Amino acid sequence: PHDILPNFADIWPLSNENNKEIVWAIQFCSVEKC
């Protein structure tokens, strides 16, 4: 289901983490969220 995002800049924002381009990432999380 993975694919390349149309816009390179869209890979990096926190609001778009774990987007379809990311095949595997080491997950970090704040106290507030987790």
All heavy atoms as atom14 arrays in JSON, in Angstrom:
{
  "sequence": "PHDILPNFADIWPLSNENNKEIVWAIQFCSVEKC",
  "atom14_mask": [
    [1, 1, 1, 1, 1, 1, 1, 0, 0, 0, 0, 0, 0, 0],
    [1, 1, 1, 1, 1, 1, 1, 1, 1, 1, 0, 0, 0, 0],
    [1, 1, 1, 1, 1, 1, 1, 1, 0, 0, 0, 0, 0, 0],
    [1, 1, 1, 1, 1, 1, 1, 1, 0, 0, 0, 0, 0, 0],
    [1, 1, 1, 1, 1, 1, 1, 1, 0, 0, 0, 0, 0, 0],
    [1, 1, 1, 1, 1, 1, 1, 0, 0, 0, 0, 0, 0, 0],
    [1, 1, 1, 1, 1, 1, 1, 1, 0, 0, 0, 0, 0, 0],
    [1, 1, 1, 1, 1, 1, 1, 1, 1, 1, 1, 0, 0, 0],
    [1, 1, 1, 1, 1, 0, 0, 0, 0, 0, 0, 0, 0, 0],
    [1, 1, 1, 1, 1, 1, 1, 1, 0, 0, 0, 0, 0, 0],
    [1, 1, 1, 1, 1, 1, 1, 1, 0, 0, 0, 0, 0, 0],
    [1, 1, 1, 1, 1, 1, 1, 1, 1, 1, 1, 1, 1, 1],
    [1, 1, 1, 1, 1, 1, 1, 0, 0, 0, 0, 0, 0, 0],
    [1, 1, 1, 1, 1, 1, 1, 1, 0, 0, 0, 0, 0, 0],
    [1, 1, 1, 1, 1, 1, 0, 0, 0, 0, 0, 0, 0, 0],
    [1, 1, 1, 1, 1, 1, 1, 1, 0, 0, 0, 0, 0, 0],
    [1, 1, 1, 1, 1, 1, 1, 1, 1, 0, 0, 0, 0, 0],
    [1, 1, 1, 1, 1, 1, 1, 1, 0, 0, 0, 0, 0, 0],
    [1, 1, 1, 1, 1, 1, 1, 1, 0, 0, 0, 0, 0, 0],
    [1, 1, 1, 1, 1, 1, 1, 1, 1, 0, 0, 0, 0, 0],
    [1, 1, 1, 1, 1, 1, 1, 1, 1, 0, 0, 0, 0, 0],
    [1, 1, 1, 1, 1, 1, 1, 1, 0, 0, 0, 0, 0, 0],
    [1, 1, 1, 1, 1, 1, 1, 0, 0, 0, 0, 0, 0, 0],
    [1, 1, 1, 1, 1, 1, 1, 1, 1, 1, 1, 1, 1, 1],
    [1, 1, 1, 1, 1, 0, 0, 0, 0, 0, 0, 0, 0, 0],
    [1, 1, 1, 1, 1, 1, 1, 1, 0, 0, 0, 0, 0, 0],
    [1, 1, 1, 1, 1, 1, 1, 1, 1, 0, 0, 0, 0, 0],
    [1, 1, 1, 1, 1, 1, 1, 1, 1, 1, 1, 0, 0, 0],
    [1, 1, 1, 1, 1, 1, 0, 0, 0, 0, 0, 0, 0, 0],
    [1, 1, 1, 1, 1, 1, 0, 0, 0, 0, 0, 0, 0, 0],
    [1, 1, 1, 1, 1, 1, 1, 0, 0, 0, 0, 0, 0, 0],
    [1, 1, 1, 1, 1, 1, 1, 1, 1, 0, 0, 0, 0, 0],
    [1, 1, 1, 1, 1, 1, 1, 1, 1, 0, 0, 0, 0, 0],
    [1, 1, 1, 1, 1, 1, 0, 0, 0, 0, 0, 0, 0, 0]
  ],
  "atom14_positions": [
    [[0.82, -1.22, 0.0], [0.0, 0.0, 0.0], [0.84, 1.27, 0.0], [0.3, 2.37, -0.06], [-0.79, -0.12, 1.31], [0.1, -0.9, 2.21], [0.8, -1.9, 1.32], [0.0, 0.0, 0.0], [0.0, 0.0, 0.0], [0.0, 0.0, 0.0], [0.0, 0.0, 0.0], [0.0, 0.0, 0.0], [0.0, 0.0, 0.0], [0.0, 0.0, 0.0]],
    [[2.16, 1.13, 0.05], [3.03, 2.29, 0.12], [3.22, 2.93, -1.26], [3.12, 2.25, -2.29], [4.38, 1.9, 0.7], [4.29, 1.38, 2.11], [4.03, 2.19, 3.18], [4.37, 0.11, 2.61], [3.99, 1.46, 4.29], [4.18, 0.2, 3.96], [0.0, 0.0, 0.0], [0.0, 0.0, 0.0], [0.0, 0.0, 0.0], [0.0, 0.0, 0.0]],
    [[3.52, 4.21, -1.23], [3.73, 4.93, -2.49], [4.55, 6.18, -2.18], [4.68, 6.59, -1.04], [2.4, 5.32, -3.13], [2.5, 5.58, -4.62], [3.65, 5.56, -5.15], [1.47, 5.82, -5.26], [0.0, 0.0, 0.0], [0.0, 0.0, 0.0], [0.0, 0.0, 0.0], [0.0, 0.0, 0.0], [0.0, 0.0, 0.0], [0.0, 0.0, 0.0]],
    [[5.08, 6.77, -3.22], [5.83, 8.0, -3.08], [4.84, 9.16, -2.99], [3.86, 9.21, -3.74], [6.81, 8.16, -4.26], [7.81, 9.28, -3.99], [6.08, 8.35, -5.57], [8.96, 9.31, -4.99], [0.0, 0.0, 0.0], [0.0, 0.0, 0.0], [0.0, 0.0, 0.0], [0.0, 0.0, 0.0], [0.0, 0.0, 0.0], [0.0, 0.0, 0.0]],
    [[5.05, 10.06, -2.04], [4.19, 11.23, -1.94], [4.47, 12.2, -3.09], [5.62, 12.34, -3.51], [4.4, 11.95, -0.61], [4.05, 11.19, 0.67], [4.16, 12.12, 1.88], [2.67, 10.57, 0.61], [0.0, 0.0, 0.0], [0.0, 0.0, 0.0], [0.0, 0.0, 0.0], [0.0, 0.0, 0.0], [0.0, 0.0, 0.0], [0.0, 0.0, 0.0]],
    [[3.46, 12.89, -3.58], [3.7, 13.83, -4.68], [4.63, 14.97, -4.32], [5.39, 15.45, -5.15], [2.29, 14.34, -5.02], [1.37, 13.29, -4.49], [2.03, 12.74, -3.27], [0.0, 0.0, 0.0], [0.0, 0.0, 0.0], [0.0, 0.0, 0.0], [0.0, 0.0, 0.0], [0.0, 0.0, 0.0], [0.0, 0.0, 0.0], [0.0, 0.0, 0.0]],
    [[4.57, 15.41, -3.06], [5.34, 16.58, -2.63], [6.38, 16.15, -1.59], [6.03, 15.64, -0.52], [4.4, 17.63, -2.03], [5.11, 18.92, -1.67], [6.32, 19.04, -1.86], [4.36, 19.87, -1.13], [0.0, 0.0, 0.0], [0.0, 0.0, 0.0], [0.0, 0.0, 0.0], [0.0, 0.0, 0.0], [0.0, 0.0, 0.0], [0.0, 0.0, 0.0]],
    [[7.65, 16.37, -1.88], [8.73, 15.97, -0.99], [8.58, 16.58, 0.4], [8.83, 15.92, 1.42], [10.07, 16.39, -1.6], [11.28, 15.98, -0.8], [11.78, 14.69, -0.87], [11.93, 16.89, 0.03], [12.89, 14.3, -0.13], [13.05, 16.53, 0.76], [13.54, 15.22, 0.69], [0.0, 0.0, 0.0], [0.0, 0.0, 0.0], [0.0, 0.0, 0.0]],
    [[8.15, 17.83, 0.48], [8.03, 18.51, 1.77], [6.96, 17.89, 2.66], [7.0, 18.05, 3.88], [7.74, 20.0, 1.55], [0.0, 0.0, 0.0], [0.0, 0.0, 0.0], [0.0, 0.0, 0.0], [0.0, 0.0, 0.0], [0.0, 0.0, 0.0], [0.0, 0.0, 0.0], [0.0, 0.0, 0.0], [0.0, 0.0, 0.0], [0.0, 0.0, 0.0]],
    [[6.02, 17.16, 2.08], [4.93, 16.58, 2.87], [5.37, 15.36, 3.68], [4.62, 14.88, 4.53], [3.78, 16.17, 1.95], [3.03, 17.36, 1.38], [3.2, 18.48, 1.93], [2.3, 17.19, 0.38], [0.0, 0.0, 0.0], [0.0, 0.0, 0.0], [0.0, 0.0, 0.0], [0.0, 0.0, 0.0], [0.0, 0.0, 0.0], [0.0, 0.0, 0.0]],
    [[6.57, 14.86, 3.44], [7.04, 13.69, 4.17], [7.32, 14.02, 5.63], [7.13, 13.2, 6.51], [8.35, 13.14, 3.54], [8.12, 12.74, 2.08], [8.89, 11.95, 4.33], [9.41, 12.43, 1.33], [0.0, 0.0, 0.0], [0.0, 0.0, 0.0], [0.0, 0.0, 0.0], [0.0, 0.0, 0.0], [0.0, 0.0, 0.0], [0.0, 0.0, 0.0]],
    [[7.73, 15.25, 5.93], [8.4, 15.57, 7.18], [7.55, 16.18, 8.3], [7.96, 16.1, 9.46], [9.6, 16.48, 6.88], [10.41, 15.92, 5.75], [10.51, 16.4, 4.48], [11.18, 14.72, 5.77], [11.29, 15.59, 3.72], [11.73, 14.55, 4.48], [11.47, 13.77, 6.77], [12.55, 13.46, 4.16], [12.28, 12.71, 6.45], [12.8, 12.56, 5.16]],
    [[6.42, 16.83, 8.05], [5.68, 17.44, 9.17], [5.21, 16.42, 10.2], [4.83, 15.3, 9.86], [4.49, 18.11, 8.47], [4.92, 18.33, 7.07], [5.81, 17.16, 6.75], [0.0, 0.0, 0.0], [0.0, 0.0, 0.0], [0.0, 0.0, 0.0], [0.0, 0.0, 0.0], [0.0, 0.0, 0.0], [0.0, 0.0, 0.0], [0.0, 0.0, 0.0]],
    [[5.21, 16.83, 11.46], [4.7, 15.96, 12.52], [3.25, 15.57, 12.27], [2.83, 14.45, 12.59], [4.81, 16.67, 13.87], [6.18, 16.69, 14.55], [6.13, 17.56, 15.78], [6.61, 15.29, 14.92], [0.0, 0.0, 0.0], [0.0, 0.0, 0.0], [0.0, 0.0, 0.0], [0.0, 0.0, 0.0], [0.0, 0.0, 0.0], [0.0, 0.0, 0.0]],
    [[2.5, 16.48, 11.68], [1.08, 16.21, 11.44], [0.86, 15.15, 10.37], [-0.26, 14.63, 10.23], [0.37, 17.5, 11.0], [0.98, 18.02, 9.82], [0.0, 0.0, 0.0], [0.0, 0.0, 0.0], [0.0, 0.0, 0.0], [0.0, 0.0, 0.0], [0.0, 0.0, 0.0], [0.0, 0.0, 0.0], [0.0, 0.0, 0.0], [0.0, 0.0, 0.0]],
    [[1.91, 14.8, 9.63], [1.78, 13.8, 8.56], [2.71, 12.61, 8.77], [3.09, 11.93, 7.83], [2.06, 14.46, 7.2], [1.53, 13.63, 6.04], [0.51, 12.95, 6.16], [2.21, 13.67, 4.92], [0.0, 0.0, 0.0], [0.0, 0.0, 0.0], [0.0, 0.0, 0.0], [0.0, 0.0, 0.0], [0.0, 0.0, 0.0], [0.0, 0.0, 0.0]],
    [[3.08, 12.35, 10.03], [3.95, 11.2, 10.3], [3.24, 9.9, 9.94], [2.02, 9.81, 9.94], [4.35, 11.18, 11.78], [5.4, 12.22, 12.12], [6.07, 11.93, 13.45], [5.34, 11.75, 14.44], [7.3, 11.89, 13.49], [0.0, 0.0, 0.0], [0.0, 0.0, 0.0], [0.0, 0.0, 0.0], [0.0, 0.0, 0.0], [0.0, 0.0, 0.0]],
    [[4.03, 8.89, 9.66], [3.51, 7.57, 9.27], [2.61, 7.66, 8.04], [1.62, 6.94, 7.91], [2.76, 6.92, 10.43], [3.66, 6.68, 11.63], [4.76, 6.15, 11.5], [3.22, 7.08, 12.82], [0.0, 0.0, 0.0], [0.0, 0.0, 0.0], [0.0, 0.0, 0.0], [0.0, 0.0, 0.0], [0.0, 0.0, 0.0], [0.0, 0.0, 0.0]],
    [[2.98, 8.57, 7.11], [2.26, 8.67, 5.85], [2.58, 7.46, 4.98], [3.41, 6.61, 5.33], [2.61, 9.98, 5.14], [4.11, 10.14, 4.9], [4.69, 9.42, 4.08], [4.75, 11.06, 5.62], [0.0, 0.0, 0.0], [0.0, 0.0, 0.0], [0.0, 0.0, 0.0], [0.0, 0.0, 0.0], [0.0, 0.0, 0.0], [0.0, 0.0, 0.0]],
    [[1.96, 7.36, 3.82], [2.05, 6.15, 3.01], [3.44, 5.91, 2.44], [3.74, 4.8, 1.98], [1.03, 6.17, 1.89], [1.24, 7.24, 0.83], [0.14, 7.17, -0.23], [0.32, 8.25, -1.29], [-0.74, 8.16, -2.33], [0.0, 0.0, 0.0], [0.0, 0.0, 0.0], [0.0, 0.0, 0.0], [0.0, 0.0, 0.0], [0.0, 0.0, 0.0]],
    [[4.3, 6.93, 2.47], [5.67, 6.71, 1.98], [6.54, 6.0, 3.02], [7.53, 5.38, 2.67], [6.33, 8.04, 1.58], [7.72, 7.86, 1.02], [8.2, 9.0, 0.15], [7.35, 9.77, -0.37], [9.42, 9.13, -0.05], [0.0, 0.0, 0.0], [0.0, 0.0, 0.0], [0.0, 0.0, 0.0], [0.0, 0.0, 0.0], [0.0, 0.0, 0.0]],
    [[6.16, 6.08, 4.29], [6.98, 5.52, 5.36], [6.71, 4.02, 5.46], [5.61, 3.6, 5.84], [6.7, 6.21, 6.7], [6.82, 7.74, 6.55], [7.63, 5.67, 7.77], [8.15, 8.2, 5.99], [0.0, 0.0, 0.0], [0.0, 0.0, 0.0], [0.0, 0.0, 0.0], [0.0, 0.0, 0.0], [0.0, 0.0, 0.0], [0.0, 0.0, 0.0]],
    [[7.71, 3.22, 5.14], [7.58, 1.77, 5.2], [7.84, 1.27, 6.63], [7.2, 0.32, 7.08], [8.54, 1.09, 4.21], [8.42, -0.42, 4.25], [8.27, 1.6, 2.79], [0.0, 0.0, 0.0], [0.0, 0.0, 0.0], [0.0, 0.0, 0.0], [0.0, 0.0, 0.0], [0.0, 0.0, 0.0], [0.0, 0.0, 0.0], [0.0, 0.0, 0.0]],
    [[8.78, 1.88, 7.3], [8.98, 1.58, 8.73], [9.71, 2.73, 9.38], [10.67, 3.27, 8.83], [9.78, 0.3, 8.94], [9.87, -0.07, 10.4], [8.84, -0.41, 11.22], [11.05, -0.1, 11.21], [9.3, -0.66, 12.5], [10.66, -0.49, 12.52], [12.39, 0.14, 10.96], [11.56, -0.63, 13.57], [13.31, 0.01, 12.01], [12.89, -0.38, 13.29]],
    [[9.24, 3.13, 10.56], [9.86, 4.2, 11.33], [9.92, 3.8, 12.79], [9.03, 3.1, 13.3], [9.07, 5.5, 11.18], [0.0, 0.0, 0.0], [0.0, 0.0, 0.0], [0.0, 0.0, 0.0], [0.0, 0.0, 0.0], [0.0, 0.0, 0.0], [0.0, 0.0, 0.0], [0.0, 0.0, 0.0], [0.0, 0.0, 0.0], [0.0, 0.0, 0.0]],
    [[10.96, 4.23, 13.47], [11.05, 4.06, 14.92], [10.22, 5.16, 15.55], [10.45, 6.34, 15.29], [12.51, 4.12, 15.39], [13.33, 3.0, 14.74], [12.59, 4.01, 16.91], [14.82, 3.05, 15.05], [0.0, 0.0, 0.0], [0.0, 0.0, 0.0], [0.0, 0.0, 0.0], [0.0, 0.0, 0.0], [0.0, 0.0, 0.0], [0.0, 0.0, 0.0]],
    [[9.25, 4.77, 16.36], [8.26, 5.7, 16.88], [8.71, 6.33, 18.2], [9.07, 5.63, 19.14], [6.94, 4.98, 17.11], [6.44, 4.19, 15.91], [5.87, 5.05, 14.82], [4.97, 5.84, 15.07], [6.38, 4.9, 13.61], [0.0, 0.0, 0.0], [0.0, 0.0, 0.0], [0.0, 0.0, 0.0], [0.0, 0.0, 0.0], [0.0, 0.0, 0.0]],
    [[8.65, 7.65, 18.24], [8.89, 8.37, 19.49], [7.61, 9.11, 19.87], [6.77, 9.39, 19.02], [10.06, 9.34, 19.33], [11.37, 8.64, 19.13], [11.79, 8.25, 17.87], [12.19, 8.36, 20.22], [12.99, 7.58, 17.68], [13.39, 7.68, 20.04], [13.8, 7.3, 18.78], [0.0, 0.0, 0.0], [0.0, 0.0, 0.0], [0.0, 0.0, 0.0]],
    [[7.47, 9.41, 21.16], [6.19, 9.99, 21.59], [6.38, 10.8, 22.86], [7.24, 10.5, 23.69], [5.17, 8.88, 21.82], [3.47, 9.47, 21.86], [0.0, 0.0, 0.0], [0.0, 0.0, 0.0], [0.0, 0.0, 0.0], [0.0, 0.0, 0.0], [0.0, 0.0, 0.0], [0.0, 0.0, 0.0], [0.0, 0.0, 0.0], [0.0, 0.0, 0.0]],
    [[5.55, 11.83, 23.02], [5.63, 12.71, 24.17], [4.77, 12.19, 25.32], [3.88, 11.36, 25.14], [5.15, 14.11, 23.79], [3.77, 14.07, 23.45], [0.0, 0.0, 0.0], [0.0, 0.0, 0.0], [0.0, 0.0, 0.0], [0.0, 0.0, 0.0], [0.0, 0.0, 0.0], [0.0, 0.0, 0.0], [0.0, 0.0, 0.0], [0.0, 0.0, 0.0]],
    [[5.03, 12.7, 26.51], [4.2, 12.36, 27.67], [2.77, 12.79, 27.43], [1.81, 12.08, 27.76], [4.76, 13.03, 28.94], [3.82, 12.83, 30.12], [6.15, 12.48, 29.27], [0.0, 0.0, 0.0], [0.0, 0.0, 0.0], [0.0, 0.0, 0.0], [0.0, 0.0, 0.0], [0.0, 0.0, 0.0], [0.0, 0.0, 0.0], [0.0, 0.0, 0.0]],
    [[2.6, 13.95, 26.82], [1.26, 14.48, 26.57], [0.43, 13.52, 25.73], [-0.75, 13.31, 25.98], [1.37, 15.84, 25.88], [0.03, 16.47, 25.54], [0.18, 17.77, 24.76], [1.33, 18.17, 24.5], [-0.85, 18.36, 24.42], [0.0, 0.0, 0.0], [0.0, 0.0, 0.0], [0.0, 0.0, 0.0], [0.0, 0.0, 0.0], [0.0, 0.0, 0.0]],
    [[1.07, 12.91, 24.72], [0.33, 12.04, 23.81], [0.25, 10.6, 24.3], [-0.72, 9.9, 24.04], [0.97, 12.07, 22.42], [0.9, 13.42, 21.73], [1.62, 13.36, 20.39], [1.6, 14.7, 19.69], [2.35, 14.67, 18.41], [0.0, 0.0, 0.0], [0.0, 0.0, 0.0], [0.0, 0.0, 0.0], [0.0, 0.0, 0.0], [0.0, 0.0, 0.0]],
    [[1.31, 10.13, 24.97], [1.43, 8.7, 25.21], [1.69, 8.33, 26.67], [1.87, 7.15, 26.97], [2.54, 8.11, 24.36], [2.31, 8.38, 22.59], [0.0, 0.0, 0.0], [0.0, 0.0, 0.0], [0.0, 0.0, 0.0], [0.0, 0.0, 0.0], [0.0, 0.0, 0.0], [0.0, 0.0, 0.0], [0.0, 0.0, 0.0], [0.0, 0.0, 0.0]]
  ]
}
